[in-house]
Amino acid sequence: MSELAGKVSNTVNPKKPKNYKVEKHSSLWWMYLPALLFVTTFIVYPFINGFRISFTDWNGFSQESNFIGLDQYRRMFSDPTTWTVVRNTLLYGIGSTILQNVIGLGYALLLNSKIKMRTLTRTVVYLPVIISPLIMGYIFYLIFAFQNGALNDAITFFGFNPINALGNPSVNPLIIVLVNTYQFVGIAMIIYLAGLQSISKDYYEAADIDGASAFQQFKSITLPLLAPSITINVVLNIIGGLKLFDVIIALTGGGPGNASQSSSTFMYSLYFSRQDAGYAATQGILVAFMILIISLLALWYFKRKEIEA
């Protein structure tokens, strides 16, 4: 009987070779190869090559370039336009992130309740996401344009003077933030809505029994359990806002002057309009480190909040 039991045991739970796990995991490494090649070809190599170009005076078209050391970096930090561009880039990144998360969470809370036409509302809010940012920029240009713009046509119809919103350096960056928020708030809404629907109703029922108010339930239950959704939204919004390009090109072209330039549009202008590829690469290194540092800090902070929750 013992021999028979041993045979049955071996049949049900056959012994695996010692190197089974090693072979299994080594075979999985091949699955990473396509992604690794893609990242190396389109991200790692261009970044390294851009870093090399930042030490030259290459114009972007010539076959020759001269090594000039840190001159481009000295030029960048002494250039007042750099700080205008950095300020605008941070405004686009952080401003869009705050608005998209606050409004997106508000939409998600509304659509998670029992209201009529929830599906239609969700579709209308998400619809701008599928439109090209360049086209979205042109749509809003037709609204805010000084001449023949829809906004000024409405203002003058009621007897007021037209406003040059896109030509005002203190106003047009805010318009860009609002347009970017309007277009991509649907993504934040969908992520928050998925997070809300994954929260068990048992928590709210227990809170109701304990006499907790709606605000207390939101603060003590909803927000902590939405921490993973908040992390995803904040990191995605920061990265998207810091590399904003299409909407700026369509609305203001970076003007007037350099008043609404972001790092991306400034690099584009340096390379294609001024044929100053070495300086454009230097600006690219700056924005790359900005995105990396801010994104990692946001990821670290909100991941820590997830653990605490």
C-alpha atoms as a PDB file:
ATOM      1  CA  MET A   1       0.000   0.000   0.000  1.00  0.00           C
ATOM      2  CA  SER A   2       2.784   2.410   0.844  1.00  0.00           C
ATOM      3  CA  GLU A   3       4.451   1.791  -2.542  1.00  0.00           C
ATOM      4  CA  LEU A   4       1.123   2.392  -4.308  1.00  0.00           C
ATOM      5  CA  ALA A   5       0.572   5.601  -2.325  1.00  0.00           C
ATOM      6  CA  GLY A   6       4.036   6.770  -3.294  1.00  0.00           C
ATOM      7  CA  LYS A   7       3.366   6.143  -6.984  1.00  0.00           C
ATOM      8  CA  VAL A   8       0.052   8.014  -6.786  1.00  0.00           C
ATOM      9  CA  SER A   9       1.742  10.894  -4.983  1.00  0.00           C
ATOM     10  CA  ASN A  10       4.431  11.096  -7.651  1.00  0.00           C
ATOM     11  CA  THR A  11       1.788  11.004 -10.366  1.00  0.00           C
ATOM     12  CA  VAL A  12      -0.291  13.802  -8.822  1.00  0.00           C
ATOM     13  CA  ASN A  13       2.682  15.933  -7.778  1.00  0.00           C
ATOM     14  CA  PRO A  14       5.518  14.972 -10.088  1.00  0.00           C
ATOM     15  CA  LYS A  15       8.910  16.221  -9.016  1.00  0.00           C
ATOM     16  CA  LYS A  16      10.097  19.134 -11.113  1.00  0.00           C
ATOM     17  CA  PRO A  17      13.737  19.437 -12.088  1.00  0.00           C
ATOM     18  CA  LYS A  18      15.810  21.754  -9.931  1.00  0.00           C
ATOM     19  CA  ASN A  19      16.495  24.124 -12.794  1.00  0.00           C
ATOM     20  CA  TYR A  20      12.779  24.388 -13.706  1.00  0.00           C
ATOM     21  CA  LYS A  21      12.335  27.833 -12.172  1.00  0.00           C
ATOM     22  CA  VAL A  22      15.566  29.111 -13.710  1.00  0.00           C
ATOM     23  CA  GLU A  23      14.538  27.928 -17.171  1.00  0.00           C
ATOM     24  CA  LYS A  24      11.038  29.323 -16.731  1.00  0.00           C
ATOM     25  CA  HIS A  25      12.251  32.785 -15.721  1.00  0.00           C
ATOM     26  CA  SER A  26      15.025  32.880 -18.333  1.00  0.00           C
ATOM     27  CA  SER A  27      12.509  32.128 -21.077  1.00  0.00           C
ATOM     28  CA  LEU A  28      10.362  35.044 -19.907  1.00  0.00           C
ATOM     29  CA  TRP A  29      13.231  37.453 -20.493  1.00  0.00           C
ATOM     30  CA  TRP A  30      12.707  37.071 -24.239  1.00  0.00           C
ATOM     31  CA  MET A  31       9.304  38.673 -23.789  1.00  0.00           C
ATOM     32  CA  TYR A  32      10.995  41.901 -22.708  1.00  0.00           C
ATOM     33  CA  LEU A  33      13.184  42.095 -25.807  1.00  0.00           C
ATOM     34  CA  PRO A  34      10.755  43.943 -28.182  1.00  0.00           C
ATOM     35  CA  ALA A  35       9.965  46.585 -25.554  1.00  0.00           C
ATOM     36  CA  LEU A  36      13.657  46.886 -24.663  1.00  0.00           C
ATOM     37  CA  LEU A  37      14.607  47.409 -28.305  1.00  0.00           C
ATOM     38  CA  PHE A  38      11.848  49.997 -28.723  1.00  0.00           C
ATOM     39  CA  VAL A  39      12.868  51.972 -25.624  1.00  0.00           C
ATOM     40  CA  THR A  40      16.549  51.806 -26.564  1.00  0.00           C
ATOM     41  CA  THR A  41      15.960  52.920 -30.151  1.00  0.00           C
ATOM     42  CA  PHE A  42      13.466  55.713 -29.575  1.00  0.00           C
ATOM     43  CA  ILE A  43      14.249  56.940 -26.038  1.00  0.00           C
ATOM     44  CA  VAL A  44      17.701  55.943 -24.731  1.00  0.00           C
ATOM     45  CA  TYR A  45      19.697  56.496 -27.937  1.00  0.00           C
ATOM     46  CA  PRO A  46      18.064  59.868 -28.811  1.00  0.00           C
ATOM     47  CA  PHE A  47      18.626  61.083 -25.246  1.00  0.00           C
ATOM     48  CA  ILE A  48      22.313  60.097 -25.299  1.00  0.00           C
ATOM     49  CA  ASN A  49      22.757  61.623 -28.765  1.00  0.00           C
ATOM     50  CA  GLY A  50      20.991  64.804 -27.649  1.00  0.00           C
ATOM     51  CA  PHE A  51      23.274  64.997 -24.633  1.00  0.00           C
ATOM     52  CA  ARG A  52      26.262  64.746 -26.991  1.00  0.00           C
ATOM     53  CA  ILE A  53      24.888  67.446 -29.303  1.00  0.00           C
ATOM     54  CA  SER A  54      24.421  69.804 -26.343  1.00  0.00           C
ATOM     55  CA  PHE A  55      28.214  70.108 -26.129  1.00  0.00           C
ATOM     56  CA  THR A  56      28.483  71.272 -29.759  1.00  0.00           C
ATOM     57  CA  ASP A  57      27.523  74.254 -31.908  1.00  0.00           C
ATOM     58  CA  TRP A  58      25.735  72.095 -34.503  1.00  0.00           C
ATOM     59  CA  ASN A  59      23.115  73.974 -36.523  1.00  0.00           C
ATOM     60  CA  GLY A  60      20.973  70.897 -37.180  1.00  0.00           C
ATOM     61  CA  PHE A  61      21.696  70.607 -40.908  1.00  0.00           C
ATOM     62  CA  SER A  62      25.439  70.872 -41.471  1.00  0.00           C
ATOM     63  CA  GLN A  63      27.669  67.795 -41.638  1.00  0.00           C
ATOM     64  CA  GLU A  64      30.160  69.504 -39.334  1.00  0.00           C
ATOM     65  CA  SER A  65      29.969  70.558 -35.710  1.00  0.00           C
ATOM     66  CA  ASN A  66      32.482  71.824 -33.180  1.00  0.00           C
ATOM     67  CA  PHE A  67      32.875  70.727 -29.573  1.00  0.00           C
ATOM     68  CA  ILE A  68      32.402  73.793 -27.348  1.00  0.00           C
ATOM     69  CA  GLY A  69      32.204  72.186 -23.901  1.00  0.00           C
ATOM     70  CA  LEU A  70      29.778  73.742 -21.439  1.00  0.00           C
ATOM     71  CA  ASP A  71      29.198  76.947 -23.419  1.00  0.00           C
ATOM     72  CA  GLN A  72      25.621  76.017 -24.309  1.00  0.00           C
ATOM     73  CA  TYR A  73      24.814  75.344 -20.653  1.00  0.00           C
ATOM     74  CA  ARG A  74      26.313  78.674 -19.585  1.00  0.00           C
ATOM     75  CA  ARG A  75      24.267  80.339 -22.303  1.00  0.00           C
ATOM     76  CA  MET A  76      21.113  78.568 -21.151  1.00  0.00           C
ATOM     77  CA  PHE A  77      21.385  79.629 -17.514  1.00  0.00           C
ATOM     78  CA  SER A  78      22.195  83.240 -18.448  1.00  0.00           C
ATOM     79  CA  ASP A  79      19.366  83.458 -21.004  1.00  0.00           C
ATOM     80  CA  PRO A  80      16.281  85.218 -19.536  1.00  0.00           C
ATOM     81  CA  THR A  81      14.072  83.352 -22.023  1.00  0.00           C
ATOM     82  CA  THR A  82      15.018  80.093 -20.296  1.00  0.00           C
ATOM     83  CA  TRP A  83      13.382  81.169 -17.062  1.00  0.00           C
ATOM     84  CA  THR A  84      10.252  82.378 -18.876  1.00  0.00           C
ATOM     85  CA  VAL A  85      10.044  78.996 -20.573  1.00  0.00           C
ATOM     86  CA  VAL A  86      10.643  77.102 -17.298  1.00  0.00           C
ATOM     87  CA  ARG A  87       7.954  79.151 -15.538  1.00  0.00           C
ATOM     88  CA  ASN A  88       5.455  78.494 -18.323  1.00  0.00           C
ATOM     89  CA  THR A  89       6.319  74.794 -18.449  1.00  0.00           C
ATOM     90  CA  LEU A  90       5.767  74.434 -14.704  1.00  0.00           C
ATOM     91  CA  LEU A  91       2.505  76.372 -15.002  1.00  0.00           C
ATOM     92  CA  TYR A  92       1.274  74.088 -17.785  1.00  0.00           C
ATOM     93  CA  GLY A  93       2.345  70.962 -15.934  1.00  0.00           C
ATOM     94  CA  ILE A  94       1.284  71.745 -12.381  1.00  0.00           C
ATOM     95  CA  GLY A  95      -1.723  73.947 -13.247  1.00  0.00           C
ATOM     96  CA  SER A  96      -3.192  71.383 -15.635  1.00  0.00           C
ATOM     97  CA  THR A  97      -2.569  68.602 -13.113  1.00  0.00           C
ATOM     98  CA  ILE A  98      -4.426  70.374 -10.318  1.00  0.00           C
ATOM     99  CA  LEU A  99      -7.408  71.342 -12.480  1.00  0.00           C
ATOM    100  CA  GLN A 100      -7.713  67.988 -14.225  1.00  0.00           C
ATOM    101  CA  ASN A 101      -7.644  66.065 -10.961  1.00  0.00           C
ATOM    102  CA  VAL A 102     -10.076  68.326  -9.100  1.00  0.00           C
ATOM    103  CA  ILE A 103     -12.571  68.564 -11.984  1.00  0.00           C
ATOM    104  CA  GLY A 104     -12.079  64.928 -12.990  1.00  0.00           C
ATOM    105  CA  LEU A 105     -12.763  63.749  -9.446  1.00  0.00           C
ATOM    106  CA  GLY A 106     -15.853  65.959  -9.309  1.00  0.00           C
ATOM    107  CA  TYR A 107     -17.178  64.457 -12.535  1.00  0.00           C
ATOM    108  CA  ALA A 108     -16.426  60.939 -11.270  1.00  0.00           C
ATOM    109  CA  LEU A 109     -18.290  61.528  -7.993  1.00  0.00           C
ATOM    110  CA  LEU A 110     -21.251  62.907  -9.921  1.00  0.00           C
ATOM    111  CA  LEU A 111     -21.334  60.036 -12.406  1.00  0.00           C
ATOM    112  CA  ASN A 112     -20.908  57.465  -9.641  1.00  0.00           C
ATOM    113  CA  SER A 113     -24.195  58.594  -8.135  1.00  0.00           C
ATOM    114  CA  LYS A 114     -27.627  57.648  -9.431  1.00  0.00           C
ATOM    115  CA  ILE A 115     -28.342  60.450 -11.889  1.00  0.00           C
ATOM    116  CA  LYS A 116     -30.086  60.367 -15.217  1.00  0.00           C
ATOM    117  CA  MET A 117     -28.132  60.310 -18.521  1.00  0.00           C
ATOM    118  CA  ARG A 118     -24.904  59.157 -16.851  1.00  0.00           C
ATOM    119  CA  THR A 119     -23.701  57.416 -20.007  1.00  0.00           C
ATOM    120  CA  LEU A 120     -24.334  60.467 -22.187  1.00  0.00           C
ATOM    121  CA  THR A 121     -22.597  62.769 -19.707  1.00  0.00           C
ATOM    122  CA  ARG A 122     -19.587  60.465 -19.509  1.00  0.00           C
ATOM    123  CA  THR A 123     -19.375  60.382 -23.317  1.00  0.00           C
ATOM    124  CA  VAL A 124     -19.600  64.165 -23.644  1.00  0.00           C
ATOM    125  CA  VAL A 125     -16.870  64.726 -21.039  1.00  0.00           C
ATOM    126  CA  TYR A 126     -14.554  62.115 -22.575  1.00  0.00           C
ATOM    127  CA  LEU A 127     -15.181  63.088 -26.218  1.00  0.00           C
ATOM    128  CA  PRO A 128     -12.492  65.854 -26.417  1.00  0.00           C
ATOM    129  CA  VAL A 129      -9.812  63.276 -25.545  1.00  0.00           C
ATOM    130  CA  ILE A 130     -10.161  61.602 -28.949  1.00  0.00           C
ATOM    131  CA  ILE A 131      -9.653  64.905 -30.811  1.00  0.00           C
ATOM    132  CA  SER A 132      -6.124  65.825 -31.877  1.00  0.00           C
ATOM    133  CA  PRO A 133      -4.629  68.456 -29.532  1.00  0.00           C
ATOM    134  CA  LEU A 134      -3.626  70.491 -32.586  1.00  0.00           C
ATOM    135  CA  ILE A 135      -7.211  70.548 -33.852  1.00  0.00           C
ATOM    136  CA  MET A 136      -8.459  71.358 -30.359  1.00  0.00           C
ATOM    137  CA  GLY A 137      -6.064  74.294 -30.280  1.00  0.00           C
ATOM    138  CA  TYR A 138      -7.368  75.613 -33.602  1.00  0.00           C
ATOM    139  CA  ILE A 139     -10.971  75.251 -32.388  1.00  0.00           C
ATOM    140  CA  PHE A 140     -10.243  77.440 -29.384  1.00  0.00           C
ATOM    141  CA  TYR A 141      -8.209  79.825 -31.539  1.00  0.00           C
ATOM    142  CA  LEU A 142     -11.398  80.503 -33.509  1.00  0.00           C
ATOM    143  CA  ILE A 143     -13.068  81.288 -30.184  1.00  0.00           C
ATOM    144  CA  PHE A 144     -10.386  83.556 -28.663  1.00  0.00           C
ATOM    145  CA  ALA A 145      -8.990  85.188 -31.838  1.00  0.00           C
ATOM    146  CA  PHE A 146      -8.930  88.991 -31.660  1.00  0.00           C
ATOM    147  CA  GLN A 147     -10.349  89.433 -35.152  1.00  0.00           C
ATOM    148  CA  ASN A 148     -13.486  87.478 -36.048  1.00  0.00           C
ATOM    149  CA  GLY A 149     -13.204  85.332 -32.935  1.00  0.00           C
ATOM    150  CA  ALA A 150     -16.478  83.978 -31.550  1.00  0.00           C
ATOM    151  CA  LEU A 151     -15.824  85.469 -28.093  1.00  0.00           C
ATOM    152  CA  ASN A 152     -15.152  88.974 -29.404  1.00  0.00           C
ATOM    153  CA  ASP A 153     -18.105  88.778 -31.787  1.00  0.00           C
ATOM    154  CA  ALA A 154     -20.336  88.082 -28.788  1.00  0.00           C
ATOM    155  CA  ILE A 155     -18.699  90.836 -26.707  1.00  0.00           C
ATOM    156  CA  THR A 156     -18.993  93.496 -29.417  1.00  0.00           C
ATOM    157  CA  PHE A 157     -22.596  92.459 -30.082  1.00  0.00           C
ATOM    158  CA  PHE A 158     -23.446  93.563 -26.544  1.00  0.00           C
ATOM    159  CA  GLY A 159     -21.552  96.847 -26.979  1.00  0.00           C
ATOM    160  CA  PHE A 160     -18.280  96.045 -25.189  1.00  0.00           C
ATOM    161  CA  ASN A 161     -14.767  96.498 -26.534  1.00  0.00           C
ATOM    162  CA  PRO A 162     -13.045  93.370 -27.916  1.00  0.00           C
ATOM    163  CA  ILE A 163     -10.259  91.767 -25.872  1.00  0.00           C
ATOM    164  CA  ASN A 164      -6.972  90.445 -27.190  1.00  0.00           C
ATOM    165  CA  ALA A 165      -6.739  87.433 -24.878  1.00  0.00           C
ATOM    166  CA  LEU A 166      -4.221  85.474 -26.968  1.00  0.00           C
ATOM    167  CA  GLY A 167      -2.011  88.541 -27.361  1.00  0.00           C
ATOM    168  CA  ASN A 168      -1.848  89.257 -23.635  1.00  0.00           C
ATOM    169  CA  PRO A 169       1.259  87.617 -22.075  1.00  0.00           C
ATOM    170  CA  SER A 170      -0.363  87.407 -18.651  1.00  0.00           C
ATOM    171  CA  VAL A 171      -3.553  85.788 -19.936  1.00  0.00           C
ATOM    172  CA  ASN A 172      -2.659  83.427 -22.789  1.00  0.00           C
ATOM    173  CA  PRO A 173      -0.722  80.908 -20.619  1.00  0.00           C
ATOM    174  CA  LEU A 174      -3.847  80.558 -18.477  1.00  0.00           C
ATOM    175  CA  ILE A 175      -5.973  79.989 -21.581  1.00  0.00           C
ATOM    176  CA  ILE A 176      -3.575  77.237 -22.656  1.00  0.00           C
ATOM    177  CA  VAL A 177      -3.925  75.564 -19.237  1.00  0.00           C
ATOM    178  CA  LEU A 178      -7.725  75.742 -19.459  1.00  0.00           C
ATOM    179  CA  VAL A 179      -7.813  74.305 -22.998  1.00  0.00           C
ATOM    180  CA  ASN A 180      -5.475  71.468 -22.013  1.00  0.00           C
ATOM    181  CA  THR A 181      -7.601  70.783 -18.932  1.00  0.00           C
ATOM    182  CA  TYR A 182     -10.818  70.781 -20.943  1.00  0.00           C
ATOM    183  CA  GLN A 183      -9.411  68.294 -23.432  1.00  0.00           C
ATOM    184  CA  PHE A 184      -7.912  65.735 -21.056  1.00  0.00           C
ATOM    185  CA  VAL A 185     -10.091  65.944 -17.953  1.00  0.00           C
ATOM    186  CA  GLY A 186     -12.025  62.967 -19.343  1.00  0.00           C
ATOM    187  CA  ILE A 187      -9.056  60.650 -18.756  1.00  0.00           C
ATOM    188  CA  ALA A 188      -8.866  61.656 -15.087  1.00  0.00           C
ATOM    189  CA  MET A 189     -12.629  61.204 -14.797  1.00  0.00           C
ATOM    190  CA  ILE A 190     -12.535  57.647 -16.175  1.00  0.00           C
ATOM    191  CA  ILE A 191      -9.660  56.599 -13.893  1.00  0.00           C
ATOM    192  CA  TYR A 192     -11.349  58.062 -10.819  1.00  0.00           C
ATOM    193  CA  LEU A 193     -14.673  56.512 -11.792  1.00  0.00           C
ATOM    194  CA  ALA A 194     -13.041  53.093 -12.033  1.00  0.00           C
ATOM    195  CA  GLY A 195     -11.466  53.643  -8.616  1.00  0.00           C
ATOM    196  CA  LEU A 196     -14.765  54.688  -7.052  1.00  0.00           C
ATOM    197  CA  GLN A 197     -16.593  51.666  -8.439  1.00  0.00           C
ATOM    198  CA  SER A 198     -13.970  49.341  -6.953  1.00  0.00           C
ATOM    199  CA  ILE A 199     -14.626  50.607  -3.406  1.00  0.00           C
ATOM    200  CA  SER A 200     -16.914  48.262  -1.489  1.00  0.00           C
ATOM    201  CA  LYS A 201     -20.230  49.746  -0.342  1.00  0.00           C
ATOM    202  CA  ASP A 202     -19.778  47.994   2.993  1.00  0.00           C
ATOM    203  CA  TYR A 203     -17.454  50.793   4.125  1.00  0.00           C
ATOM    204  CA  TYR A 204     -20.111  53.440   3.500  1.00  0.00           C
ATOM    205  CA  GLU A 205     -22.842  51.372   5.136  1.00  0.00           C
ATOM    206  CA  ALA A 206     -20.700  50.970   8.252  1.00  0.00           C
ATOM    207  CA  ALA A 207     -19.967  54.717   8.232  1.00  0.00           C
ATOM    208  CA  ASP A 208     -23.687  55.494   7.954  1.00  0.00           C
ATOM    209  CA  ILE A 209     -24.359  53.307  10.989  1.00  0.00           C
ATOM    210  CA  ASP A 210     -21.669  55.199  12.920  1.00  0.00           C
ATOM    211  CA  GLY A 211     -23.300  58.495  11.930  1.00  0.00           C
ATOM    212  CA  ALA A 212     -20.513  59.819   9.676  1.00  0.00           C
ATOM    213  CA  SER A 213     -21.428  62.739   7.438  1.00  0.00           C
ATOM    214  CA  ALA A 214     -20.926  62.713   3.661  1.00  0.00           C
ATOM    215  CA  PHE A 215     -17.798  64.854   3.998  1.00  0.00           C
ATOM    216  CA  GLN A 216     -16.344  62.584   6.692  1.00  0.00           C
ATOM    217  CA  GLN A 217     -16.992  59.542   4.483  1.00  0.00           C
ATOM    218  CA  PHE A 218     -15.277  61.283   1.555  1.00  0.00           C
ATOM    219  CA  LYS A 219     -12.284  62.260   3.682  1.00  0.00           C
ATOM    220  CA  SER A 220     -11.851  58.996   5.604  1.00  0.00           C
ATOM    221  CA  ILE A 221     -12.998  56.394   3.056  1.00  0.00           C
ATOM    222  CA  THR A 222     -13.104  57.703  -0.512  1.00  0.00           C
ATOM    223  CA  LEU A 223      -9.843  59.662  -0.680  1.00  0.00           C
ATOM    224  CA  PRO A 224      -7.623  57.048   1.033  1.00  0.00           C
ATOM    225  CA  LEU A 225      -8.991  54.222  -1.120  1.00  0.00           C
ATOM    226  CA  LEU A 226      -8.594  56.363  -4.257  1.00  0.00           C
ATOM    227  CA  ALA A 227      -4.864  56.772  -3.589  1.00  0.00           C
ATOM    228  CA  PRO A 228      -3.791  54.457  -6.483  1.00  0.00           C
ATOM    229  CA  SER A 229      -6.045  56.372  -8.902  1.00  0.00           C
ATOM    230  CA  ILE A 230      -4.674  59.685  -7.650  1.00  0.00           C
ATOM    231  CA  THR A 231      -1.105  58.455  -8.201  1.00  0.00           C
ATOM    232  CA  ILE A 232      -1.823  57.397 -11.785  1.00  0.00           C
ATOM    233  CA  ASN A 233      -3.638  60.616 -12.655  1.00  0.00           C
ATOM    234  CA  VAL A 234      -1.107  62.970 -11.091  1.00  0.00           C
ATOM    235  CA  VAL A 235       1.908  61.349 -12.759  1.00  0.00           C
ATOM    236  CA  LEU A 236       0.207  61.158 -16.177  1.00  0.00           C
ATOM    237  CA  ASN A 237      -1.054  64.748 -15.960  1.00  0.00           C
ATOM    238  CA  ILE A 238       2.322  66.128 -14.872  1.00  0.00           C
ATOM    239  CA  ILE A 239       4.168  64.408 -17.712  1.00  0.00           C
ATOM    240  CA  GLY A 240       1.552  65.479 -20.254  1.00  0.00           C
ATOM    241  CA  GLY A 241       1.499  69.071 -19.037  1.00  0.00           C
ATOM    242  CA  LEU A 242       5.271  69.488 -18.877  1.00  0.00           C
ATOM    243  CA  LYS A 243       5.701  68.396 -22.494  1.00  0.00           C
ATOM    244  CA  LEU A 244       2.744  70.388 -23.833  1.00  0.00           C
ATOM    245  CA  PHE A 245       3.277  71.334 -27.481  1.00  0.00           C
ATOM    246  CA  ASP A 246       0.370  71.049 -29.941  1.00  0.00           C
ATOM    247  CA  VAL A 247      -2.118  73.335 -28.201  1.00  0.00           C
ATOM    248  CA  ILE A 248       0.488  76.084 -27.786  1.00  0.00           C
ATOM    249  CA  ILE A 249       1.463  75.940 -31.462  1.00  0.00           C
ATOM    250  CA  ALA A 250      -2.177  76.214 -32.534  1.00  0.00           C
ATOM    251  CA  LEU A 251      -3.236  78.927 -30.075  1.00  0.00           C
ATOM    252  CA  THR A 252      -0.302  81.328 -29.770  1.00  0.00           C
ATOM    253  CA  GLY A 253       2.714  79.841 -31.555  1.00  0.00           C
ATOM    254  CA  GLY A 254       4.615  80.584 -28.344  1.00  0.00           C
ATOM    255  CA  GLY A 255       3.978  84.323 -28.619  1.00  0.00           C
ATOM    256  CA  PRO A 256       3.750  87.158 -28.285  1.00  0.00           C
ATOM    257  CA  GLY A 257       7.531  86.973 -28.356  1.00  0.00           C
ATOM    258  CA  ASN A 258       8.328  84.039 -26.095  1.00  0.00           C
ATOM    259  CA  ALA A 259       5.621  84.829 -23.532  1.00  0.00           C
ATOM    260  CA  SER A 260       3.758  81.518 -23.861  1.00  0.00           C
ATOM    261  CA  GLN A 261       6.587  79.230 -24.946  1.00  0.00           C
ATOM    262  CA  SER A 262       6.923  75.861 -23.255  1.00  0.00           C
ATOM    263  CA  SER A 263      10.168  73.911 -23.274  1.00  0.00           C
ATOM    264  CA  SER A 264       8.891  71.779 -26.166  1.00  0.00           C
ATOM    265  CA  THR A 265       7.865  74.709 -28.380  1.00  0.00           C
ATOM    266  CA  PHE A 266      11.062  76.608 -27.530  1.00  0.00           C
ATOM    267  CA  MET A 267      13.172  73.626 -28.610  1.00  0.00           C
ATOM    268  CA  TYR A 268      11.159  73.392 -31.830  1.00  0.00           C
ATOM    269  CA  SER A 269      11.716  77.086 -32.524  1.00  0.00           C
ATOM    270  CA  LEU A 270      15.450  76.862 -31.797  1.00  0.00           C
ATOM    271  CA  TYR A 271      15.947  73.877 -34.094  1.00  0.00           C
ATOM    272  CA  PHE A 272      13.768  74.677 -37.089  1.00  0.00           C
ATOM    273  CA  SER A 273      13.507  78.476 -37.057  1.00  0.00           C
ATOM    274  CA  ARG A 274      16.869  79.543 -35.659  1.00  0.00           C
ATOM    275  CA  GLN A 275      18.905  76.494 -36.753  1.00  0.00           C
ATOM    276  CA  ASP A 276      20.496  76.263 -33.316  1.00  0.00           C
ATOM    277  CA  ALA A 277      20.384  72.520 -32.663  1.00  0.00           C
ATOM    278  CA  GLY A 278      23.106  72.551 -30.001  1.00  0.00           C
ATOM    279  CA  TYR A 279      21.177  75.005 -27.856  1.00  0.00           C
ATOM    280  CA  ALA A 280      17.904  73.177 -28.564  1.00  0.00           C
ATOM    281  CA  ALA A 281      19.486  69.949 -27.284  1.00  0.00           C
ATOM    282  CA  THR A 282      20.603  71.763 -24.132  1.00  0.00           C
ATOM    283  CA  GLN A 283      17.047  72.932 -23.505  1.00  0.00           C
ATOM    284  CA  GLY A 284      15.896  69.356 -24.128  1.00  0.00           C
ATOM    285  CA  ILE A 285      18.220  68.042 -21.430  1.00  0.00           C
ATOM    286  CA  LEU A 286      16.802  70.622 -19.014  1.00  0.00           C
ATOM    287  CA  VAL A 287      13.167  69.653 -19.654  1.00  0.00           C
ATOM    288  CA  ALA A 288      14.012  65.941 -19.509  1.00  0.00           C
ATOM    289  CA  PHE A 289      15.446  66.348 -16.022  1.00  0.00           C
ATOM    290  CA  MET A 290      12.510  68.541 -15.003  1.00  0.00           C
ATOM    291  CA  ILE A 291      10.027  65.861 -16.038  1.00  0.00           C
ATOM    292  CA  LEU A 292      12.101  63.095 -14.438  1.00  0.00           C
ATOM    293  CA  ILE A 293      12.573  64.840 -11.088  1.00  0.00           C
ATOM    294  CA  ILE A 294       9.007  66.153 -10.728  1.00  0.00           C
ATOM    295  CA  SER A 295       7.441  62.863 -11.840  1.00  0.00           C
ATOM    296  CA  LEU A 296       9.582  60.791  -9.469  1.00  0.00           C
ATOM    297  CA  LEU A 297       8.835  63.122  -6.566  1.00  0.00           C
ATOM    298  CA  ALA A 298       5.100  62.944  -7.284  1.00  0.00           C
ATOM    299  CA  LEU A 299       5.267  59.162  -7.661  1.00  0.00           C
ATOM    300  CA  TRP A 300       7.210  58.781  -4.390  1.00  0.00           C
ATOM    301  CA  TYR A 301       4.848  61.068  -2.461  1.00  0.00           C
ATOM    302  CA  PHE A 302       1.603  59.494  -3.625  1.00  0.00           C
ATOM    303  CA  LYS A 303       2.940  55.947  -3.359  1.00  0.00           C
ATOM    304  CA  ARG A 304       3.763  56.710   0.264  1.00  0.00           C
ATOM    305  CA  LYS A 305       0.197  57.931   0.747  1.00  0.00           C
ATOM    306  CA  GLU A 306      -1.056  54.630  -0.719  1.00  0.00           C
ATOM    307  CA  ILE A 307       0.941  52.684   1.891  1.00  0.00           C
ATOM    308  CA  GLU A 308      -0.325  54.895   4.716  1.00  0.00           C
ATOM    309  CA  ALA A 309      -3.896  54.427   3.518  1.00  0.00           C
END
